Protein backbone atom coordinates (compact mmCIF):
# COMPACT_ATOMS: atom_id res chain seq x y z
CA MET A 1 -25.77 4.79 -10.58
CA GLY A 2 -24.69 1.66 -12.46
CA ASN A 3 -26.75 -1.10 -14.01
CA PRO A 4 -28.35 -3.36 -11.36
CA GLN A 5 -27.16 -6.98 -11.21
CA LYS A 6 -28.95 -10.01 -9.88
CA ILE A 7 -27.77 -10.79 -6.35
CA LYS A 8 -25.91 -14.11 -6.47
CA SER A 9 -26.46 -14.90 -2.81
CA LYS A 10 -28.16 -13.33 0.20
CA THR A 11 -24.78 -13.27 1.91
CA TYR A 12 -22.58 -11.89 -0.84
CA TYR A 13 -20.28 -9.12 0.37
CA SER A 14 -18.39 -6.50 -1.61
CA GLN A 15 -15.20 -4.51 -1.14
CA VAL A 16 -14.34 -1.49 -3.29
CA ILE A 17 -10.63 -1.68 -4.18
CA GLY A 18 -10.49 1.72 -5.92
CA GLU A 19 -10.72 3.57 -9.21
CA GLN A 20 -8.00 4.28 -11.76
CA GLY A 21 -7.94 5.06 -15.47
CA GLY A 22 -11.73 5.28 -15.60
CA ASN A 23 -12.10 1.76 -14.19
CA VAL A 24 -13.57 0.76 -10.84
CA PHE A 25 -12.35 -2.48 -9.23
CA LEU A 26 -14.36 -4.55 -6.79
CA LEU A 27 -13.92 -7.73 -4.74
CA ARG A 28 -16.89 -10.02 -4.05
CA CYS A 29 -17.01 -12.81 -1.47
CA LYS A 30 -19.54 -15.07 0.25
CA ASN A 31 -18.15 -14.20 3.69
CA GLN A 32 -16.92 -11.03 5.33
CA LEU A 33 -13.36 -12.33 5.77
CA PHE A 34 -12.48 -11.85 2.08
CA ASN A 35 -9.75 -14.49 2.32
CA SER A 36 -10.89 -17.26 -0.06
CA ASP A 37 -13.24 -17.97 -2.99
CA LEU A 38 -12.97 -14.37 -4.15
CA THR A 39 -14.34 -12.84 -7.33
CA ILE A 40 -12.76 -9.70 -8.78
CA GLU A 41 -14.79 -7.37 -10.99
CA LYS A 42 -14.03 -4.47 -13.30
CA TYR A 43 -16.53 -1.70 -13.97
CA LYS A 44 -16.51 1.01 -16.60
CA SER A 45 -16.61 4.71 -15.78
CA ASN A 46 -20.43 4.62 -16.04
CA LEU A 47 -20.38 1.86 -13.36
CA ALA A 48 -21.54 -0.81 -15.81
CA LEU A 49 -19.95 -4.22 -15.17
CA GLU A 50 -17.25 -5.01 -17.78
CA PHE A 51 -16.23 -8.47 -16.58
CA SER A 52 -16.09 -10.64 -13.47
CA VAL A 53 -13.65 -13.54 -12.87
CA PRO A 54 -12.39 -15.63 -9.94
CA LEU A 55 -9.40 -13.89 -8.38
CA PRO A 56 -6.31 -15.59 -9.91
CA LEU A 57 -4.12 -17.11 -7.18
CA PRO A 58 -0.76 -18.62 -8.19
CA VAL A 59 -0.44 -20.50 -4.87
CA ASN A 60 -2.84 -22.23 -2.52
CA GLY A 61 -3.32 -19.80 0.36
CA LEU A 62 -5.51 -17.17 1.99
CA VAL A 63 -5.87 -13.68 0.56
CA GLU A 64 -4.92 -11.03 3.10
CA ARG A 65 -5.64 -7.92 1.01
CA VAL A 66 -5.83 -6.53 -2.52
CA LEU A 67 -4.42 -3.03 -3.13
CA LEU A 68 -4.57 -0.76 -6.16
CA PHE A 69 -1.39 1.08 -7.10
CA ASP A 70 -0.31 2.89 -10.28
CA GLU A 71 -1.24 0.64 -13.23
CA GLN A 72 -1.28 -2.55 -11.15
CA LEU A 73 -3.16 -4.54 -8.55
CA LEU A 74 -1.25 -6.22 -5.71
CA VAL A 75 -2.71 -9.41 -4.24
CA PHE A 76 -1.24 -10.40 -0.84
CA ILE A 77 -1.43 -14.13 -0.03
CA ALA A 78 -0.48 -16.05 3.12
CA ALA A 79 0.55 -19.61 2.25
CA LYS A 80 2.44 -22.48 3.88
CA ASN A 81 5.88 -23.26 2.47
CA GLU A 82 6.27 -27.04 2.73
CA SER A 83 10.04 -26.95 2.21
CA THR A 84 10.75 -24.44 5.01
CA GLN A 85 7.75 -25.19 7.27
CA ALA A 86 7.02 -21.48 7.41
CA ILE A 87 4.09 -19.25 6.54
CA ASP A 88 5.09 -16.96 3.69
CA LEU A 89 3.42 -13.69 2.83
CA LEU A 90 3.56 -13.39 -0.94
CA VAL A 91 2.52 -10.64 -3.30
CA GLN A 92 1.28 -11.22 -6.85
CA ARG A 93 1.02 -8.40 -9.40
CA LEU A 94 -2.05 -8.25 -11.67
CA ASP A 95 -2.68 -5.97 -14.62
CA PHE A 96 -6.03 -4.26 -15.13
CA ASN A 97 -7.31 -7.25 -17.08
CA PHE A 98 -6.52 -9.48 -14.07
CA LYS A 99 -3.61 -11.25 -15.77
CA THR A 100 -0.68 -12.21 -13.54
CA ILE A 101 2.59 -10.30 -14.00
CA GLN A 102 5.75 -12.34 -13.33
CA THR A 103 5.81 -14.85 -10.48
CA PRO A 104 4.68 -14.14 -6.91
CA ARG A 105 7.31 -12.70 -4.59
CA ILE A 106 7.86 -13.58 -0.93
CA LEU A 107 7.80 -10.48 1.29
CA CYS A 108 8.35 -12.10 4.69
CA SER A 109 8.18 -15.48 6.45
CA ILE A 110 7.14 -16.61 9.94
CA PRO A 111 7.93 -20.13 11.28
CA GLU A 112 4.72 -22.13 11.32
CA SER A 113 5.12 -22.88 15.04
CA LYS A 114 5.19 -19.13 15.77
CA PHE A 115 2.49 -18.06 13.32
CA LEU A 116 -0.93 -17.10 14.72
CA PRO A 117 -3.63 -18.07 12.19
CA LYS A 118 -6.36 -16.31 14.18
CA ARG A 119 -4.51 -12.99 13.97
CA THR A 120 -5.05 -10.84 10.90
CA ILE A 121 -2.08 -9.77 8.79
CA GLN A 122 -2.69 -6.07 8.19
CA ILE A 123 -1.37 -4.31 5.09
CA LYS A 124 -1.74 -0.55 4.77
CA PRO A 125 -0.48 1.94 2.15
CA ASN A 126 0.44 5.49 3.06
CA ALA A 127 -1.71 8.39 1.89
CA ASN A 128 0.30 9.22 -1.24
CA LYS A 129 0.60 5.53 -2.30
CA SER A 130 4.41 5.61 -2.37
CA LEU A 131 4.88 2.65 0.02
CA PHE A 132 2.99 0.14 2.16
CA THR A 133 3.58 -1.47 5.55
CA VAL A 134 2.81 -5.01 6.70
CA MET A 135 1.98 -5.54 10.38
CA LEU A 136 1.47 -8.91 12.05
CA MET A 137 1.86 -10.57 15.43
CA SER A 138 3.67 -13.83 16.18
CA LEU A 139 4.43 -15.96 19.22
CA GLY A 140 7.68 -15.32 21.06
CA GLN A 141 9.34 -17.06 23.96
CA SER A 142 7.10 -17.86 26.98
CA GLU A 143 4.08 -17.09 24.77
CA GLN A 144 4.96 -13.42 24.67
CA ALA A 145 3.61 -11.47 21.72
CA VAL A 146 6.02 -10.23 19.04
CA LEU A 147 5.00 -7.30 16.84
CA HIS A 148 6.36 -7.23 13.26
CA PHE A 149 6.63 -4.23 10.92
CA TYR A 150 7.76 -4.68 7.28
CA GLN A 151 7.78 -1.78 4.84
CA TYR A 152 8.14 -1.77 1.02
CA ASP A 153 8.00 0.74 -1.80
CA VAL A 154 5.76 0.24 -4.85
CA GLN A 155 8.59 -1.63 -6.64
CA LEU A 156 8.49 -4.13 -3.72
CA ASN A 157 11.92 -3.09 -2.41
CA GLN A 158 12.08 -3.55 1.35
CA LYS A 159 12.62 -0.36 3.36
CA PHE A 160 12.87 -2.13 6.73
CA GLY A 161 11.81 -5.22 8.66
CA LYS A 162 11.54 -4.94 12.44
CA GLN A 163 10.36 -7.15 15.30
CA PHE A 164 9.48 -5.94 18.81
CA LEU A 165 8.84 -8.07 21.90
CA LEU A 166 5.70 -6.85 23.68
CA SER A 167 5.24 -6.93 27.44
CA ASP A 168 2.46 -9.52 27.77
CA SER A 169 1.43 -12.96 26.57
CA GLU A 170 -0.18 -13.15 23.16
CA PRO A 171 -3.84 -13.85 24.17
CA ASN A 172 -3.92 -10.67 26.28
CA VAL A 173 -2.65 -8.32 23.56
CA PHE A 174 -5.04 -6.45 21.28
CA ILE A 175 -4.16 -4.15 18.39
CA SER A 176 -7.00 -1.72 17.76
CA ALA A 177 -5.43 0.60 15.15
CA PHE A 178 -2.52 0.76 12.72
CA ASP A 179 -1.31 3.53 10.39
CA VAL A 180 1.70 4.67 8.34
CA SER A 181 2.78 8.19 7.37
CA ASN A 182 3.96 9.42 3.98
CA ASN A 183 7.54 9.44 5.32
CA GLY A 184 7.28 5.85 6.56
CA GLU A 185 6.77 6.29 10.31
CA THR A 186 4.61 3.37 11.45
CA PHE A 187 2.26 3.28 14.45
CA ALA A 188 0.17 0.66 16.24
CA LEU A 189 -2.30 1.18 19.08
CA VAL A 190 -1.93 -1.70 21.56
CA ASP A 191 -3.70 -2.50 24.82
CA TYR A 192 -3.06 -5.01 27.62
CA PRO A 193 -4.94 -5.95 30.80
CA ASP A 194 -3.97 -3.83 33.78
CA ALA A 195 -2.44 -6.20 36.35
CA GLN A 196 -2.74 -3.55 39.08
CA LYS A 197 -6.54 -3.28 38.79
CA THR A 198 -9.14 -5.66 40.19
CA ALA A 199 -11.64 -4.69 37.49
CA LYS A 200 -11.09 -5.73 33.88
CA GLU A 201 -9.40 -2.50 32.90
CA ARG A 202 -6.73 -2.22 30.25
CA LYS A 203 -3.54 -0.25 29.64
CA TYR A 204 -3.25 1.53 26.29
CA PHE A 205 0.00 2.27 24.49
CA LEU A 206 0.98 3.78 21.16
CA TYR A 207 3.99 2.07 19.57
CA GLY A 208 5.80 4.07 16.93
CA TYR A 209 8.72 3.09 14.73
CA PHE A 210 10.78 6.01 13.35
CA PRO A 211 12.95 4.90 10.38
CA ALA A 212 15.13 8.04 10.38
CA SER A 213 16.47 7.27 13.87
CA ASP A 214 15.78 3.50 13.73
CA LYS A 215 13.93 3.66 17.05
CA ILE A 216 10.80 2.07 18.44
CA LEU A 217 9.11 4.22 21.09
CA GLU A 218 6.31 3.37 23.50
CA PHE A 219 3.84 6.03 24.64
CA SER A 220 1.47 5.44 27.55
CA ILE A 221 -1.88 6.91 26.48
CA GLN A 222 -3.43 7.21 29.91
CA GLY A 223 -0.23 8.28 31.63
CA LYS A 224 -0.87 9.55 35.15
CA ASP A 225 -4.45 10.56 34.45
CA SER A 226 -7.16 8.84 36.49
CA PHE A 227 -9.81 8.54 33.77
CA VAL A 228 -10.87 5.14 32.37
CA ILE A 229 -10.73 4.76 28.58
CA GLU A 230 -13.93 3.42 27.01
CA ASP A 231 -13.08 3.64 23.28
CA LEU A 232 -10.24 5.23 21.32
CA GLY A 233 -8.62 5.63 17.90
CA ILE A 234 -5.66 7.26 16.16
CA CYS A 235 -5.55 10.05 13.62
CA LEU A 236 -2.46 10.57 11.45
CA ASN A 237 -2.01 14.02 9.93
CA ASN A 238 0.58 14.18 7.12
CA PHE A 239 -0.03 17.91 6.63
CA LYS A 240 0.74 18.96 10.23
CA GLN A 241 3.17 16.05 10.76
CA THR A 242 1.37 14.82 13.87
CA ILE A 243 -0.36 11.71 15.12
CA ALA A 244 -3.17 12.01 17.64
CA VAL A 245 -4.74 9.47 19.96
CA THR A 246 -8.23 10.39 21.10
CA GLY A 247 -11.33 8.75 22.50
CA LEU A 248 -14.15 8.60 25.03
CA CYS A 249 -13.51 8.13 28.74
CA ALA A 250 -15.17 7.94 32.15
CA PRO A 251 -13.92 9.69 35.33
CA SER A 252 -13.73 6.32 37.16
CA SER A 253 -14.40 2.64 36.59
CA ASN A 254 -17.91 2.78 38.10
CA ALA A 255 -19.00 6.04 36.42
CA GLY A 256 -20.61 6.73 33.06
CA VAL A 257 -18.73 7.83 29.96
CA THR A 258 -19.00 11.62 30.12
CA GLY A 259 -15.65 12.88 28.81
CA TYR A 260 -12.99 12.69 26.13
CA PHE A 261 -9.18 12.85 25.92
CA PHE A 262 -6.68 13.99 23.29
CA ARG A 263 -2.96 13.25 22.90
CA SER A 264 -0.87 14.63 20.04
CA TYR A 265 2.68 13.58 19.08
CA ALA A 266 5.20 14.79 16.48
CA LEU A 267 5.64 12.39 13.56
CA SER A 268 9.38 13.01 13.30
CA ASN A 269 10.46 12.01 16.82
CA GLY A 270 7.37 11.21 18.92
CA GLN A 271 7.57 14.37 21.05
CA LEU A 272 4.37 14.95 23.04
CA LEU A 273 2.77 18.14 21.70
CA GLN A 274 -0.58 18.24 23.48
CA SER A 275 -2.20 16.35 26.36
CA TYR A 276 -5.79 17.21 27.24
CA SER A 277 -8.87 15.65 28.81
CA ALA A 278 -12.19 17.16 29.83
CA GLN A 279 -15.84 16.41 30.55
CA PHE A 280 -18.52 17.21 27.99
CA GLU A 281 -20.72 20.21 28.64
CA ASP A 282 -24.13 19.64 30.22
CA LYS A 283 -25.82 20.86 27.01
CA PHE A 284 -24.41 17.92 25.02
CA LEU A 285 -25.05 15.36 27.77
CA LYS A 286 -28.66 16.54 28.06
CA GLN A 287 -29.05 15.93 24.32
CA VAL A 288 -27.85 12.37 24.87
CA ALA A 289 -30.17 11.83 27.84
CA ALA A 290 -33.17 13.23 25.94
CA THR A 291 -32.96 10.41 23.38
CA ARG A 292 -33.39 7.69 26.01
CA ILE A 293 -36.67 6.28 27.20
CA GLU A 294 -35.78 6.47 30.90
CA ARG A 295 -33.96 9.81 30.42
CA LEU A 296 -31.83 9.24 33.48
CA ASN A 297 -28.30 8.42 32.39
CA ALA A 298 -26.58 11.33 30.67
CA ASP A 299 -23.59 9.35 29.39
CA LEU A 300 -22.12 7.88 26.20
CA ASN A 301 -21.78 4.31 27.46
CA ASP A 302 -23.20 2.74 24.29
CA PHE A 303 -21.36 5.04 21.86
CA TYR A 304 -18.56 3.66 19.66
CA ILE A 305 -16.04 5.54 17.54
CA ARG A 306 -16.72 4.85 13.86
CA LYS A 307 -14.11 7.17 12.33
CA VAL A 308 -11.49 9.74 13.40
CA LEU A 309 -10.93 12.54 10.88
CA PRO A 310 -7.88 14.86 10.86
CA ARG A 311 -8.32 18.64 10.98
CA SER A 312 -6.00 20.95 9.08
CA ASP A 313 -4.81 22.54 12.35
CA GLY A 314 -3.74 19.21 13.90
CA GLY A 315 -6.96 18.53 15.76
CA CYS A 316 -9.49 15.84 14.87
CA ILE A 317 -13.18 15.06 14.58
CA LEU A 318 -14.71 11.97 16.17
CA LEU A 319 -17.70 10.39 14.46
CA THR A 320 -19.39 8.17 17.04
CA GLU A 321 -22.55 6.08 16.99
CA LYS A 322 -24.77 4.55 19.62
CA TYR A 323 -24.95 0.78 19.16
CA TYR A 324 -26.48 -1.91 21.37
CA GLN A 325 -28.21 -5.28 21.14
CA THR A 326 -31.48 -6.35 22.72
CA ARG A 327 -33.13 -9.76 22.88
CA GLN A 328 -36.79 -10.10 21.93
CA ASN A 329 -38.94 -13.09 22.90
CA TYR A 330 -41.77 -14.17 20.62
CA THR A 331 -44.33 -16.96 20.26
CA TYR A 332 -45.10 -19.05 17.19
CA TYR A 333 -47.26 -22.14 16.58
CA VAL A 334 -46.38 -25.62 15.31
CA ASN A 335 -49.40 -27.91 14.75
CA ASN A 336 -51.46 -25.54 16.90
CA TYR A 337 -49.01 -25.83 19.81
CA PRO A 338 -47.38 -22.60 21.00
CA GLN A 339 -43.59 -22.45 20.87
CA THR A 340 -41.37 -19.70 22.26
CA SER A 341 -38.08 -18.44 20.94
CA SER A 342 -35.99 -15.29 20.91
CA ARG A 343 -34.08 -13.15 18.44
CA ILE A 344 -31.40 -10.48 18.69
CA ILE A 345 -32.31 -6.94 17.69
CA TYR A 346 -29.38 -4.87 16.39
CA ASN A 347 -29.86 -1.17 17.20
CA PHE A 348 -27.94 1.67 15.53
CA ASP A 349 -29.05 4.96 17.02
CA GLU A 350 -27.76 8.53 17.42
CA ILE A 351 -24.60 9.85 15.76
CA GLY A 352 -22.31 11.99 17.91
CA ILE A 353 -19.98 14.50 16.24
CA ILE A 354 -17.13 15.67 18.49
CA ASN A 355 -14.89 18.40 17.02
CA ILE A 356 -11.56 18.72 18.87
CA GLN A 357 -9.15 21.59 18.20
CA ALA A 358 -5.35 21.28 18.00
CA ASP A 359 -4.89 22.23 21.67
CA GLY A 360 -7.38 19.54 22.73
CA SER A 361 -10.23 21.89 23.59
CA LEU A 362 -13.69 21.24 22.20
CA GLN A 363 -15.00 23.39 19.35
CA PHE A 364 -18.40 21.70 19.42
CA ALA A 365 -20.16 18.44 20.23
CA GLU A 366 -23.53 17.72 18.64
CA LEU A 367 -25.95 14.86 18.24
CA ILE A 368 -27.82 13.70 15.12
CA LYS A 369 -30.95 11.78 16.05
CA LYS A 370 -31.75 8.55 14.24
CA HIS A 371 -33.01 5.07 15.04
CA GLN A 372 -32.28 1.98 12.97
CA SER A 373 -32.92 -1.60 14.04
CA ALA A 374 -32.97 -5.03 12.43
CA SER A 375 -33.19 -8.64 13.56
CA THR A 376 -31.41 -10.19 10.57
CA ASP A 377 -28.00 -9.85 8.86
CA ALA A 378 -26.53 -8.16 11.97
CA GLY A 379 -27.69 -4.79 10.67
CA TYR A 380 -26.02 -5.15 7.26
CA LEU A 381 -27.86 -2.11 5.83
CA LEU A 382 -27.75 -0.04 9.01
CA SER A 383 -25.34 2.58 10.41
CA PHE A 384 -23.97 5.42 8.23
CA LEU A 385 -21.10 6.22 5.89
CA PRO A 386 -19.05 9.45 6.01
CA ILE A 387 -17.76 11.38 2.99
CA VAL A 388 -15.25 14.08 3.90
CA THR A 389 -14.80 17.09 1.59
CA PRO A 390 -12.66 20.23 2.06
CA ASP A 391 -15.58 22.21 3.53
CA GLN A 392 -18.20 19.70 4.73
CA ILE A 393 -18.66 16.28 6.28
CA TYR A 394 -21.52 14.35 4.68
CA LEU A 395 -23.22 11.43 6.42
CA LEU A 396 -25.36 9.15 4.28
CA LEU A 397 -27.77 6.59 5.75
CA ASN A 398 -30.86 4.51 5.04
CA ASP A 399 -33.98 5.98 6.61
CA GLU A 400 -37.19 3.94 6.71
CA GLY A 401 -40.06 5.84 5.16
CA ALA A 402 -43.75 4.99 5.01
CA ASP A 403 -43.32 1.87 2.88
CA LYS A 404 -39.83 2.05 1.33
CA THR A 405 -36.35 3.12 2.34
CA GLU A 406 -35.27 6.71 1.78
CA LEU A 407 -31.65 7.84 1.53
CA THR A 408 -31.03 10.67 3.96
CA LEU A 409 -28.04 13.00 3.77
CA HIS A 410 -26.74 15.00 6.73
CA SER A 411 -24.11 17.69 6.20
CA ILE A 412 -21.93 19.27 8.89
CA SER A 413 -19.67 22.23 8.32
CA TYR A 414 -16.44 22.57 10.27
CA GLU A 415 -17.97 25.52 12.12
CA GLY A 416 -20.85 23.38 13.36
CA ARG A 417 -23.68 24.19 10.91
CA PHE A 418 -25.96 21.19 10.34
CA ASP A 419 -28.32 20.46 7.46
CA GLN A 420 -30.44 17.50 6.34
CA HIS A 421 -31.79 16.46 2.93
CA ILE A 422 -33.53 13.46 1.41
CA LEU A 423 -31.17 12.26 -1.30
CA LEU A 424 -33.53 9.67 -2.82
CA LYS A 425 -37.23 9.67 -2.02
CA ASN A 426 -38.97 6.36 -1.48
CA SER A 427 -41.59 7.31 -4.07
CA ASN A 428 -38.91 7.34 -6.80
CA SER A 429 -36.91 4.19 -6.18
CA ASN A 430 -36.42 1.50 -3.58
CA CYS A 431 -32.67 1.85 -3.06
CA SER A 432 -30.58 1.08 0.01
CA ILE A 433 -26.87 1.74 0.46
CA ILE A 434 -24.54 -0.72 2.21
CA PRO A 435 -22.70 1.56 4.68
CA SER A 436 -19.79 -0.84 5.26
CA GLU A 437 -19.08 -1.25 1.53
CA TYR A 438 -17.85 2.03 0.09
CA LYS A 439 -14.63 3.88 -0.66
CA GLN A 440 -13.88 7.56 -0.98
CA ILE A 441 -11.82 7.83 -4.18
CA ALA A 442 -11.27 11.61 -4.34
CA SER A 443 -11.60 14.69 -2.17
CA ASN A 444 -15.31 14.95 -2.98
CA THR A 445 -16.28 11.61 -4.56
CA ALA A 446 -17.15 8.15 -3.26
CA ILE A 447 -18.12 4.81 -4.80
CA ILE A 448 -20.89 3.13 -2.80
CA CYS A 449 -22.33 -0.38 -3.02
CA ALA A 450 -26.13 -0.40 -2.97
CA ILE A 451 -29.22 -2.57 -3.36
CA ARG A 452 -31.71 -1.22 -5.90
CA ASP A 453 -35.00 -3.06 -6.40
CA LYS A 454 -33.41 -6.16 -4.81
CA ARG A 455 -30.45 -6.04 -7.21
CA PHE A 456 -26.81 -5.12 -6.55
CA THR A 457 -25.51 -1.90 -8.07
CA LEU A 458 -22.77 0.71 -7.66
CA MET A 459 -23.43 4.36 -6.92
CA ARG A 460 -21.10 7.29 -7.47
CA ILE A 461 -21.75 10.40 -5.40
CA THR A 462 -19.90 13.69 -5.91
CA PHE A 463 -20.30 16.88 -3.91
């Protein structure tokens, strides 16, 4: 654990960029958007702060992302070009002392009239850090949405730039996931409202661009199945050369979420390899029902997918969590006169682990019981963080003890063996992790942002 620092603001967020050459790099920002007024920090191998400076920006714009590649940092900036009346996406190289290298380079441009400022420009590297892909959405004719893919190698040479007209108007289109393979195949998970349904149901599609054949393919996730998708995600497997779409579903629009589905496609050409859907066993659903006060509804209606992990055989593991909000009324007094108000309670409860094999069948589904709630900061210190190693999945979370927070560690083997340990006892130190602010930097190591004795610090955990 590094040296604690005084917290500059109650709402000061952090983003771990990565570690290289014994240095850890961090972004700090006063808001969760991380697009302006950024501070970049460099830490030594012992997690002691070396120096902290405002992120150098050569142009006036919004920061879209900062990536760490071999011996350089890449800062991506969206800025208006007054001469062309377009929004340019630029990239600026920084060395490890945060000095600019050469001048910023324009990667792509969108006419200002077609640019959507409320849409995020997503930039994602592949697993082996040999290239990165830019994905954004713009406005086409008749307000139709246009999907853009741009891909570059680490020398910033463009591999391709493609635009695809989607089948609905821009406000109705949502992109819930985006990924790129080591070979450059690029995928986006897109959903639209279903015009054939009276209820507010949506149609889900996987769009894949295959550079070898220069083709864009559309895959209907639901197909001819009658189930209703509640939540879903994608899982790219560079080892098995597959991409899977999986999630939670209900048998009909007025039924509870009691099942799951699994679709697997070949990375090379998009061929459908597996298609499977099933209901959970009664044993698992009874576990879910037993955690509820009324103990009537055996469903996963309030469960959300937090992460989808690839299995070595081409299957995947879903890490889900029960999340819901409640409103609490309370009374307070002003000059001896009672006043009433209300506050939102953010609840993060049970963790569901769903282990799906390559053929889509279920190896196991288990529940980890927990209850976390807060009425401030939208549950900033709640939920859990996963660390995936070759033989175990570790889940780390803050657990309220008698008077201080304890750090609890759950471990799950790939055969379904569960264990639980207290990582830090509340009698030793008052330390809380920030589950949303961490990065796994190796097969068994993660850098975690934490609050220790009301001061910010970094934590390194290795299994």
